Amino acid sequence: MQLTDKVTLITGAGSGMGRATAELFAAQGATVIAVDLNESAAQGTLERIGGAAAGIARACDIADSRSVEQLFEEVARRWGRVDVLVNNAGVGQVPGDGLEHYQERLVRRQQQLAAGEEAVHTDMVVDLTDAGWQRVIDINLNGAFFCSREAVRLMIRAGVAGSIVNIASVSALTGEGPLSYCASKAALLGLTKCLARDLGPRGIRVNAICPGPTRTPMMQTIPEEWARSLEQAIPLGRMSEPEEIAKAALFLASGDGSCFTGQTLSASGGMYMI
């Protein structure tokens, strides 16, 4: 098993790609710290992977740096180290982001273009409030930074040549999607590269995955017409499954990806080709 005796912390582990990653990592021998804003969801994941024998489940708002510090303090007390961090937690829609207006205009625009009519503009920036922008940045970017900082501090203290895997999005590469989401995920790629250069001499690897449309609870919040158009734009003709993203994370986290750092895997069915 590729992660035997590895202490692995996964954020957003309560559902979707995070849950699939926790299940796969546990099956590969890892001790899993399943972290989610929703404690019952994190606990549900832990029960699926073997309960207390497999690790622990904890609630944490990763946008709060003190909460993240306390989480890693517990990890340090229990295990004295962390070997793998998967920054999976993310959000695509929050109050005040104007996404409902954008989605409505986007569907209407596609219908008008198909009919050869003059089309409305999406203008998503017009309806994006300060609070809507900030909350997405706080979770998707700041949360990944807070978790990475604490993980690296613990890796250095324990002398661990660990691995960090950041779950970004194909939206970071294409610019398609909600403005704050695209910006936060693109910034996450910059964070990945900078950390990889900085930490390479310590043997700590940092990589990113850019999933395309994937069958997760987040994907269920978008209009059906938009979802169909996304699938039509994928060369493989289908969305990815959470388990497929988990396998990419396993590759990067394990010894199989030992020469990878500062890299981005576009797990998008060919929606974006590097």
C-alpha atoms as a PDB file:
ATOM      1  CA  MET A   1       0.000   0.000   0.000  1.00  0.00           C
ATOM      2  CA  GLN A   2       1.361   3.363  -1.059  1.00  0.00           C
ATOM      3  CA  LEU A   3       0.531   5.416   2.050  1.00  0.00           C
ATOM      4  CA  THR A   4       1.151   2.952   4.865  1.00  0.00           C
ATOM      5  CA  ASP A   5       1.740   4.799   8.151  1.00  0.00           C
ATOM      6  CA  LYS A   6       1.398   8.188   6.473  1.00  0.00           C
ATOM      7  CA  VAL A   7      -0.522  10.824   8.445  1.00  0.00           C
ATOM      8  CA  THR A   8      -2.773  12.556   5.926  1.00  0.00           C
ATOM      9  CA  LEU A   9      -5.003  15.573   6.449  1.00  0.00           C
ATOM     10  CA  ILE A  10      -7.759  16.186   3.895  1.00  0.00           C
ATOM     11  CA  THR A  11      -9.945  19.295   3.963  1.00  0.00           C
ATOM     12  CA  GLY A  12     -13.449  19.257   2.554  1.00  0.00           C
ATOM     13  CA  ALA A  13     -13.511  15.536   3.332  1.00  0.00           C
ATOM     14  CA  GLY A  14     -17.220  15.381   4.070  1.00  0.00           C
ATOM     15  CA  SER A  15     -18.370  14.819   0.496  1.00  0.00           C
ATOM     16  CA  GLY A  16     -17.417  14.700  -3.160  1.00  0.00           C
ATOM     17  CA  MET A  17     -13.744  14.627  -4.100  1.00  0.00           C
ATOM     18  CA  GLY A  18     -12.649  15.028  -0.477  1.00  0.00           C
ATOM     19  CA  ARG A  19     -14.601  11.976   0.663  1.00  0.00           C
ATOM     20  CA  ALA A  20     -13.390   9.925  -2.307  1.00  0.00           C
ATOM     21  CA  THR A  21      -9.801  10.927  -1.521  1.00  0.00           C
ATOM     22  CA  ALA A  22     -10.175   9.986   2.144  1.00  0.00           C
ATOM     23  CA  GLU A  23     -11.571   6.587   1.179  1.00  0.00           C
ATOM     24  CA  LEU A  24      -8.784   5.881  -1.299  1.00  0.00           C
ATOM     25  CA  PHE A  25      -6.011   7.089   1.005  1.00  0.00           C
ATOM     26  CA  ALA A  26      -7.335   4.984   3.884  1.00  0.00           C
ATOM     27  CA  ALA A  27      -7.445   1.948   1.593  1.00  0.00           C
ATOM     28  CA  GLN A  28      -3.784   2.668   0.795  1.00  0.00           C
ATOM     29  CA  GLY A  29      -2.826   2.518   4.486  1.00  0.00           C
ATOM     30  CA  ALA A  30      -2.961   6.184   5.493  1.00  0.00           C
ATOM     31  CA  THR A  31      -4.111   7.535   8.819  1.00  0.00           C
ATOM     32  CA  VAL A  32      -6.726  10.068   7.745  1.00  0.00           C
ATOM     33  CA  ILE A  33      -7.675  13.327   9.438  1.00  0.00           C
ATOM     34  CA  ALA A  34     -11.015  14.072   7.753  1.00  0.00           C
ATOM     35  CA  VAL A  35     -11.727  17.803   8.024  1.00  0.00           C
ATOM     36  CA  ASP A  36     -14.900  19.582   6.993  1.00  0.00           C
ATOM     37  CA  LEU A  37     -16.900  22.639   8.003  1.00  0.00           C
ATOM     38  CA  ASN A  38     -19.754  20.184   8.628  1.00  0.00           C
ATOM     39  CA  GLU A  39     -18.677  17.937  11.502  1.00  0.00           C
ATOM     40  CA  SER A  40     -21.349  15.297  10.866  1.00  0.00           C
ATOM     41  CA  ALA A  41     -20.238  15.041   7.226  1.00  0.00           C
ATOM     42  CA  ALA A  42     -16.616  14.569   8.300  1.00  0.00           C
ATOM     43  CA  GLN A  43     -17.708  11.945  10.812  1.00  0.00           C
ATOM     44  CA  GLY A  44     -19.693  10.191   8.094  1.00  0.00           C
ATOM     45  CA  THR A  45     -16.548   9.941   5.985  1.00  0.00           C
ATOM     46  CA  LEU A  46     -14.581   8.563   8.926  1.00  0.00           C
ATOM     47  CA  GLU A  47     -17.194   5.870   9.508  1.00  0.00           C
ATOM     48  CA  ARG A  48     -17.001   4.873   5.840  1.00  0.00           C
ATOM     49  CA  ILE A  49     -13.226   4.399   6.006  1.00  0.00           C
ATOM     50  CA  GLY A  50     -13.091   2.405   9.232  1.00  0.00           C
ATOM     51  CA  GLY A  51     -13.935   4.669  12.156  1.00  0.00           C
ATOM     52  CA  ALA A  52     -11.482   5.563  14.920  1.00  0.00           C
ATOM     53  CA  ALA A  53      -9.009   2.944  13.728  1.00  0.00           C
ATOM     54  CA  ALA A  54      -8.609   4.875  10.477  1.00  0.00           C
ATOM     55  CA  GLY A  55      -8.107   8.352  11.949  1.00  0.00           C
ATOM     56  CA  ILE A  56     -10.190  11.225  13.251  1.00  0.00           C
ATOM     57  CA  ALA A  57     -12.883  13.575  11.959  1.00  0.00           C
ATOM     58  CA  ARG A  58     -12.840  17.254  12.841  1.00  0.00           C
ATOM     59  CA  ALA A  59     -14.869  20.341  12.058  1.00  0.00           C
ATOM     60  CA  CYS A  60     -12.845  23.391  11.042  1.00  0.00           C
ATOM     61  CA  ASP A  61     -13.499  26.653   9.256  1.00  0.00           C
ATOM     62  CA  ILE A  62     -10.258  26.822   7.293  1.00  0.00           C
ATOM     63  CA  ALA A  63     -10.885  30.510   6.591  1.00  0.00           C
ATOM     64  CA  ASP A  64     -10.125  31.126  10.293  1.00  0.00           C
ATOM     65  CA  SER A  65      -6.369  30.917  10.843  1.00  0.00           C
ATOM     66  CA  ARG A  66      -6.689  30.302  14.592  1.00  0.00           C
ATOM     67  CA  SER A  67      -9.012  27.354  14.013  1.00  0.00           C
ATOM     68  CA  VAL A  68      -6.477  25.911  11.578  1.00  0.00           C
ATOM     69  CA  GLU A  69      -3.679  26.389  14.119  1.00  0.00           C
ATOM     70  CA  GLN A  70      -5.687  24.525  16.754  1.00  0.00           C
ATOM     71  CA  LEU A  71      -6.389  21.698  14.326  1.00  0.00           C
ATOM     72  CA  PHE A  72      -2.710  21.195  13.595  1.00  0.00           C
ATOM     73  CA  GLU A  73      -1.810  21.514  17.271  1.00  0.00           C
ATOM     74  CA  GLU A  74      -3.999  18.470  17.895  1.00  0.00           C
ATOM     75  CA  VAL A  75      -2.369  16.636  14.989  1.00  0.00           C
ATOM     76  CA  ALA A  76       1.043  17.414  16.473  1.00  0.00           C
ATOM     77  CA  ARG A  77       0.009  16.131  19.913  1.00  0.00           C
ATOM     78  CA  ARG A  78      -1.441  12.897  18.549  1.00  0.00           C
ATOM     79  CA  TRP A  79       1.057  11.962  15.840  1.00  0.00           C
ATOM     80  CA  GLY A  80       3.919  14.444  16.007  1.00  0.00           C
ATOM     81  CA  ARG A  81       3.882  14.951  12.256  1.00  0.00           C
ATOM     82  CA  VAL A  82       1.834  15.242   9.087  1.00  0.00           C
ATOM     83  CA  ASP A  83       3.041  13.585   5.892  1.00  0.00           C
ATOM     84  CA  VAL A  84       0.405  14.631   3.370  1.00  0.00           C
ATOM     85  CA  LEU A  85      -1.947  17.597   3.131  1.00  0.00           C
ATOM     86  CA  VAL A  86      -4.729  17.698   0.550  1.00  0.00           C
ATOM     87  CA  ASN A  87      -6.217  21.185   0.276  1.00  0.00           C
ATOM     88  CA  ASN A  88      -9.543  20.145  -1.178  1.00  0.00           C
ATOM     89  CA  ALA A  89     -12.052  22.363   0.647  1.00  0.00           C
ATOM     90  CA  GLY A  90     -13.581  24.950  -1.616  1.00  0.00           C
ATOM     91  CA  VAL A  91     -16.750  26.807  -2.407  1.00  0.00           C
ATOM     92  CA  GLY A  92     -18.213  27.964  -5.685  1.00  0.00           C
ATOM     93  CA  GLN A  93     -21.268  29.921  -4.581  1.00  0.00           C
ATOM     94  CA  VAL A  94     -21.879  32.161  -1.575  1.00  0.00           C
ATOM     95  CA  PRO A  95     -24.439  34.853  -0.714  1.00  0.00           C
ATOM     96  CA  GLY A  96     -23.705  38.117  -2.475  1.00  0.00           C
ATOM     97  CA  ASP A  97     -21.725  36.681  -5.366  1.00  0.00           C
ATOM     98  CA  GLY A  98     -24.433  37.435  -7.932  1.00  0.00           C
ATOM     99  CA  LEU A  99     -24.138  33.929  -9.333  1.00  0.00           C
ATOM    100  CA  GLU A 100     -27.877  33.457  -9.712  1.00  0.00           C
ATOM    101  CA  HIS A 101     -28.028  36.461 -12.051  1.00  0.00           C
ATOM    102  CA  TYR A 102     -24.990  35.246 -13.973  1.00  0.00           C
ATOM    103  CA  GLN A 103     -26.438  31.772 -14.426  1.00  0.00           C
ATOM    104  CA  GLU A 104     -29.771  33.130 -15.632  1.00  0.00           C
ATOM    105  CA  ARG A 105     -28.082  35.453 -18.114  1.00  0.00           C
ATOM    106  CA  LEU A 106     -25.731  32.726 -19.282  1.00  0.00           C
ATOM    107  CA  VAL A 107     -28.569  30.329 -20.098  1.00  0.00           C
ATOM    108  CA  ARG A 108     -30.522  33.112 -21.825  1.00  0.00           C
ATOM    109  CA  ARG A 109     -27.429  34.151 -23.788  1.00  0.00           C
ATOM    110  CA  GLN A 110     -26.820  30.591 -25.015  1.00  0.00           C
ATOM    111  CA  GLN A 111     -30.445  30.287 -26.118  1.00  0.00           C
ATOM    112  CA  GLN A 112     -30.311  33.619 -27.958  1.00  0.00           C
ATOM    113  CA  LEU A 113     -27.033  32.792 -29.694  1.00  0.00           C
ATOM    114  CA  ALA A 114     -28.426  29.435 -30.811  1.00  0.00           C
ATOM    115  CA  ALA A 115     -31.434  31.240 -32.274  1.00  0.00           C
ATOM    116  CA  GLY A 116     -29.253  33.795 -34.053  1.00  0.00           C
ATOM    117  CA  GLU A 117     -30.579  36.623 -31.914  1.00  0.00           C
ATOM    118  CA  GLU A 118     -28.735  39.520 -30.323  1.00  0.00           C
ATOM    119  CA  ALA A 119     -27.590  38.109 -26.990  1.00  0.00           C
ATOM    120  CA  VAL A 120     -27.597  39.574 -23.497  1.00  0.00           C
ATOM    121  CA  HIS A 121     -24.289  40.007 -21.689  1.00  0.00           C
ATOM    122  CA  THR A 122     -23.450  38.017 -18.563  1.00  0.00           C
ATOM    123  CA  ASP A 123     -21.700  40.892 -16.702  1.00  0.00           C
ATOM    124  CA  MET A 124     -21.000  38.842 -13.598  1.00  0.00           C
ATOM    125  CA  VAL A 125     -18.725  41.502 -12.088  1.00  0.00           C
ATOM    126  CA  VAL A 126     -21.640  43.947 -11.860  1.00  0.00           C
ATOM    127  CA  ASP A 127     -23.488  41.933  -9.198  1.00  0.00           C
ATOM    128  CA  LEU A 128     -20.484  40.656  -7.203  1.00  0.00           C
ATOM    129  CA  THR A 129     -20.454  42.244  -3.737  1.00  0.00           C
ATOM    130  CA  ASP A 130     -17.460  42.768  -1.481  1.00  0.00           C
ATOM    131  CA  ALA A 131     -18.739  40.097   0.908  1.00  0.00           C
ATOM    132  CA  GLY A 132     -19.412  37.629  -1.899  1.00  0.00           C
ATOM    133  CA  TRP A 133     -15.909  38.106  -3.303  1.00  0.00           C
ATOM    134  CA  GLN A 134     -14.181  37.950   0.075  1.00  0.00           C
ATOM    135  CA  ARG A 135     -15.847  34.762   1.342  1.00  0.00           C
ATOM    136  CA  VAL A 136     -14.776  32.757  -1.700  1.00  0.00           C
ATOM    137  CA  ILE A 137     -11.215  34.090  -1.463  1.00  0.00           C
ATOM    138  CA  ASP A 138     -11.162  33.361   2.279  1.00  0.00           C
ATOM    139  CA  ILE A 139     -12.059  29.714   1.787  1.00  0.00           C
ATOM    140  CA  ASN A 140     -10.482  28.765  -1.534  1.00  0.00           C
ATOM    141  CA  LEU A 141      -7.220  30.680  -1.226  1.00  0.00           C
ATOM    142  CA  ASN A 142      -6.657  31.840   2.349  1.00  0.00           C
ATOM    143  CA  GLY A 143      -7.819  28.491   3.728  1.00  0.00           C
ATOM    144  CA  ALA A 144      -5.312  26.623   1.572  1.00  0.00           C
ATOM    145  CA  PHE A 145      -2.584  29.028   2.675  1.00  0.00           C
ATOM    146  CA  PHE A 146      -3.403  28.671   6.385  1.00  0.00           C
ATOM    147  CA  CYS A 147      -3.433  24.866   6.151  1.00  0.00           C
ATOM    148  CA  SER A 148      -0.240  24.762   4.072  1.00  0.00           C
ATOM    149  CA  ARG A 149       1.578  27.053   6.490  1.00  0.00           C
ATOM    150  CA  GLU A 150       0.706  24.911   9.505  1.00  0.00           C
ATOM    151  CA  ALA A 151       1.455  21.662   7.662  1.00  0.00           C
ATOM    152  CA  VAL A 152       4.872  22.933   6.563  1.00  0.00           C
ATOM    153  CA  ARG A 153       5.702  24.135  10.074  1.00  0.00           C
ATOM    154  CA  LEU A 154       4.914  20.652  11.381  1.00  0.00           C
ATOM    155  CA  MET A 155       6.775  18.909   8.547  1.00  0.00           C
ATOM    156  CA  ILE A 156       9.875  20.979   9.228  1.00  0.00           C
ATOM    157  CA  ARG A 157       9.666  20.368  12.971  1.00  0.00           C
ATOM    158  CA  ALA A 158       9.318  16.614  12.433  1.00  0.00           C
ATOM    159  CA  GLY A 159      11.881  16.408   9.633  1.00  0.00           C
ATOM    160  CA  VAL A 160       9.265  15.109   7.164  1.00  0.00           C
ATOM    161  CA  ALA A 161       9.728  15.309   3.405  1.00  0.00           C
ATOM    162  CA  GLY A 162       6.009  15.590   2.883  1.00  0.00           C
ATOM    163  CA  SER A 163       3.600  16.316   0.063  1.00  0.00           C
ATOM    164  CA  ILE A 164       0.922  18.968  -0.411  1.00  0.00           C
ATOM    165  CA  VAL A 165      -1.762  18.543  -3.058  1.00  0.00           C
ATOM    166  CA  ASN A 166      -3.919  21.558  -3.888  1.00  0.00           C
ATOM    167  CA  ILE A 167      -7.252  20.946  -5.575  1.00  0.00           C
ATOM    168  CA  ALA A 168      -7.759  23.882  -7.928  1.00  0.00           C
ATOM    169  CA  SER A 169     -10.066  23.816 -10.964  1.00  0.00           C
ATOM    170  CA  VAL A 170      -9.974  23.832 -14.737  1.00  0.00           C
ATOM    171  CA  SER A 171     -11.639  27.243 -14.317  1.00  0.00           C
ATOM    172  CA  ALA A 172      -8.243  28.531 -13.208  1.00  0.00           C
ATOM    173  CA  LEU A 173      -6.920  27.649 -16.661  1.00  0.00           C
ATOM    174  CA  THR A 174      -9.882  28.604 -18.847  1.00  0.00           C
ATOM    175  CA  GLY A 175     -11.420  31.556 -16.993  1.00  0.00           C
ATOM    176  CA  GLU A 176     -14.859  29.982 -17.348  1.00  0.00           C
ATOM    177  CA  GLY A 177     -17.037  30.168 -14.259  1.00  0.00           C
ATOM    178  CA  PRO A 178     -17.852  32.562 -11.415  1.00  0.00           C
ATOM    179  CA  LEU A 179     -15.368  35.419 -11.192  1.00  0.00           C
ATOM    180  CA  SER A 180     -14.338  34.995  -7.566  1.00  0.00           C
ATOM    181  CA  TYR A 181     -14.057  31.216  -8.027  1.00  0.00           C
ATOM    182  CA  CYS A 182     -11.825  31.493 -11.104  1.00  0.00           C
ATOM    183  CA  ALA A 183      -9.631  34.100  -9.439  1.00  0.00           C
ATOM    184  CA  SER A 184      -9.225  32.113  -6.229  1.00  0.00           C
ATOM    185  CA  LYS A 185      -8.355  28.893  -8.044  1.00  0.00           C
ATOM    186  CA  ALA A 186      -5.889  30.657 -10.344  1.00  0.00           C
ATOM    187  CA  ALA A 187      -4.216  32.179  -7.299  1.00  0.00           C
ATOM    188  CA  LEU A 188      -4.001  28.687  -5.801  1.00  0.00           C
ATOM    189  CA  LEU A 189      -1.846  27.648  -8.768  1.00  0.00           C
ATOM    190  CA  GLY A 190       0.492  30.555  -8.054  1.00  0.00           C
ATOM    191  CA  LEU A 191       0.672  29.508  -4.411  1.00  0.00           C
ATOM    192  CA  THR A 192       1.502  25.973  -5.539  1.00  0.00           C
ATOM    193  CA  LYS A 193       4.426  27.037  -7.708  1.00  0.00           C
ATOM    194  CA  CYS A 194       5.899  29.426  -5.153  1.00  0.00           C
ATOM    195  CA  LEU A 195       5.683  26.896  -2.334  1.00  0.00           C
ATOM    196  CA  ALA A 196       7.222  24.217  -4.565  1.00  0.00           C
ATOM    197  CA  ARG A 197      10.254  26.385  -5.306  1.00  0.00           C
ATOM    198  CA  ASP A 198      10.615  27.453  -1.700  1.00  0.00           C
ATOM    199  CA  LEU A 199      10.233  24.010  -0.152  1.00  0.00           C
ATOM    200  CA  GLY A 200      11.938  21.851  -2.773  1.00  0.00           C
ATOM    201  CA  PRO A 201      15.312  21.923  -0.977  1.00  0.00           C
ATOM    202  CA  ARG A 202      13.589  20.404   2.076  1.00  0.00           C
ATOM    203  CA  GLY A 203      12.159  17.591  -0.032  1.00  0.00           C
ATOM    204  CA  ILE A 204       8.600  18.861   0.463  1.00  0.00           C
ATOM    205  CA  ARG A 205       6.652  18.558  -2.778  1.00  0.00           C
ATOM    206  CA  VAL A 206       3.709  20.797  -3.702  1.00  0.00           C
ATOM    207  CA  ASN A 207       1.470  20.102  -6.681  1.00  0.00           C
ATOM    208  CA  ALA A 208      -2.002  20.945  -7.923  1.00  0.00           C
ATOM    209  CA  ILE A 209      -4.869  19.231  -9.678  1.00  0.00           C
ATOM    210  CA  CYS A 210      -7.307  21.113 -11.890  1.00  0.00           C
ATOM    211  CA  PRO A 211     -10.430  18.962 -12.098  1.00  0.00           C
ATOM    212  CA  GLY A 212     -12.884  19.640 -14.870  1.00  0.00           C
ATOM    213  CA  PRO A 213     -16.616  19.245 -14.291  1.00  0.00           C
ATOM    214  CA  THR A 214     -16.946  16.447 -11.740  1.00  0.00           C
ATOM    215  CA  ARG A 215     -20.024  14.733 -10.315  1.00  0.00           C
ATOM    216  CA  THR A 216     -19.992  16.352  -6.880  1.00  0.00           C
ATOM    217  CA  PRO A 217     -22.624  18.127  -4.760  1.00  0.00           C
ATOM    218  CA  MET A 218     -21.242  21.480  -5.975  1.00  0.00           C
ATOM    219  CA  MET A 219     -21.952  20.526  -9.579  1.00  0.00           C
ATOM    220  CA  GLN A 220     -25.578  19.811  -8.714  1.00  0.00           C
ATOM    221  CA  THR A 221     -26.144  23.517  -7.942  1.00  0.00           C
ATOM    222  CA  ILE A 222     -25.700  24.692 -11.539  1.00  0.00           C
ATOM    223  CA  PRO A 223     -28.536  24.873 -14.107  1.00  0.00           C
ATOM    224  CA  GLU A 224     -29.116  21.713 -16.148  1.00  0.00           C
ATOM    225  CA  GLU A 225     -28.541  23.503 -19.463  1.00  0.00           C
ATOM    226  CA  TRP A 226     -25.190  24.784 -18.242  1.00  0.00           C
ATOM    227  CA  ALA A 227     -24.213  21.289 -17.094  1.00  0.00           C
ATOM    228  CA  ARG A 228     -25.112  19.851 -20.497  1.00  0.00           C
ATOM    229  CA  SER A 229     -23.064  22.497 -22.292  1.00  0.00           C
ATOM    230  CA  LEU A 230     -20.098  21.691 -20.064  1.00  0.00           C
ATOM    231  CA  GLU A 231     -20.305  17.997 -20.908  1.00  0.00           C
ATOM    232  CA  GLN A 232     -20.495  18.810 -24.612  1.00  0.00           C
ATOM    233  CA  ALA A 233     -17.240  20.771 -24.311  1.00  0.00           C
ATOM    234  CA  ILE A 234     -15.361  17.774 -22.858  1.00  0.00           C
ATOM    235  CA  PRO A 235     -13.538  15.661 -25.476  1.00  0.00           C
ATOM    236  CA  LEU A 236     -14.223  12.479 -23.485  1.00  0.00           C
ATOM    237  CA  GLY A 237     -17.898  13.402 -23.532  1.00  0.00           C
ATOM    238  CA  ARG A 238     -18.541  13.019 -19.807  1.00  0.00           C
ATOM    239  CA  MET A 239     -17.865  14.534 -16.413  1.00  0.00           C
ATOM    240  CA  SER A 240     -15.175  13.100 -14.179  1.00  0.00           C
ATOM    241  CA  GLU A 241     -15.998  11.016 -11.139  1.00  0.00           C
ATOM    242  CA  PRO A 242     -14.673  12.001  -7.677  1.00  0.00           C
ATOM    243  CA  GLU A 243     -12.769   8.722  -7.503  1.00  0.00           C
ATOM    244  CA  GLU A 244     -10.795   9.670 -10.614  1.00  0.00           C
ATOM    245  CA  ILE A 245      -9.625  12.901  -8.998  1.00  0.00           C
ATOM    246  CA  ALA A 246      -8.732  10.961  -5.853  1.00  0.00           C
ATOM    247  CA  LYS A 247      -6.471   8.681  -7.900  1.00  0.00           C
ATOM    248  CA  ALA A 248      -4.625  11.709  -9.272  1.00  0.00           C
ATOM    249  CA  ALA A 249      -4.180  12.992  -5.714  1.00  0.00           C
ATOM    250  CA  LEU A 250      -2.835   9.598  -4.642  1.00  0.00           C
ATOM    251  CA  PHE A 251      -0.267   9.685  -7.433  1.00  0.00           C
ATOM    252  CA  LEU A 252       0.983  13.120  -6.399  1.00  0.00           C
ATOM    253  CA  ALA A 253       0.930  12.336  -2.673  1.00  0.00           C
ATOM    254  CA  SER A 254       2.704   8.998  -2.905  1.00  0.00           C
ATOM    255  CA  GLY A 255       6.148   7.875  -3.947  1.00  0.00           C
ATOM    256  CA  ASP A 256       4.875   7.313  -7.468  1.00  0.00           C
ATOM    257  CA  GLY A 257       4.933  11.095  -7.926  1.00  0.00           C
ATOM    258  CA  SER A 258       8.306  11.575  -6.263  1.00  0.00           C
ATOM    259  CA  CYS A 259       9.768  13.725  -9.071  1.00  0.00           C
ATOM    260  CA  PHE A 260       6.696  15.966  -9.359  1.00  0.00           C
ATOM    261  CA  THR A 261       6.660  19.370  -7.713  1.00  0.00           C
ATOM    262  CA  GLY A 262       5.210  22.693  -8.809  1.00  0.00           C
ATOM    263  CA  GLN A 263       3.114  20.848 -11.385  1.00  0.00           C
ATOM    264  CA  THR A 264      -0.540  21.038 -12.385  1.00  0.00           C
ATOM    265  CA  LEU A 265      -2.455  17.983 -13.571  1.00  0.00           C
ATOM    266  CA  SER A 266      -5.465  18.890 -15.693  1.00  0.00           C
ATOM    267  CA  ALA A 267      -7.857  16.088 -14.747  1.00  0.00           C
ATOM    268  CA  SER A 268     -10.570  17.405 -17.044  1.00  0.00           C
ATOM    269  CA  GLY A 269     -11.290  14.792 -19.676  1.00  0.00           C
ATOM    270  CA  GLY A 270      -9.393  16.910 -22.167  1.00  0.00           C
ATOM    271  CA  MET A 271     -11.438  20.054 -21.502  1.00  0.00           C
ATOM    272  CA  TYR A 272      -8.098  21.837 -21.099  1.00  0.00           C
ATOM    273  CA  MET A 273      -4.936  20.515 -22.727  1.00  0.00           C
ATOM    274  CA  ILE A 274      -1.566  21.772 -21.518  1.00  0.00           C
END
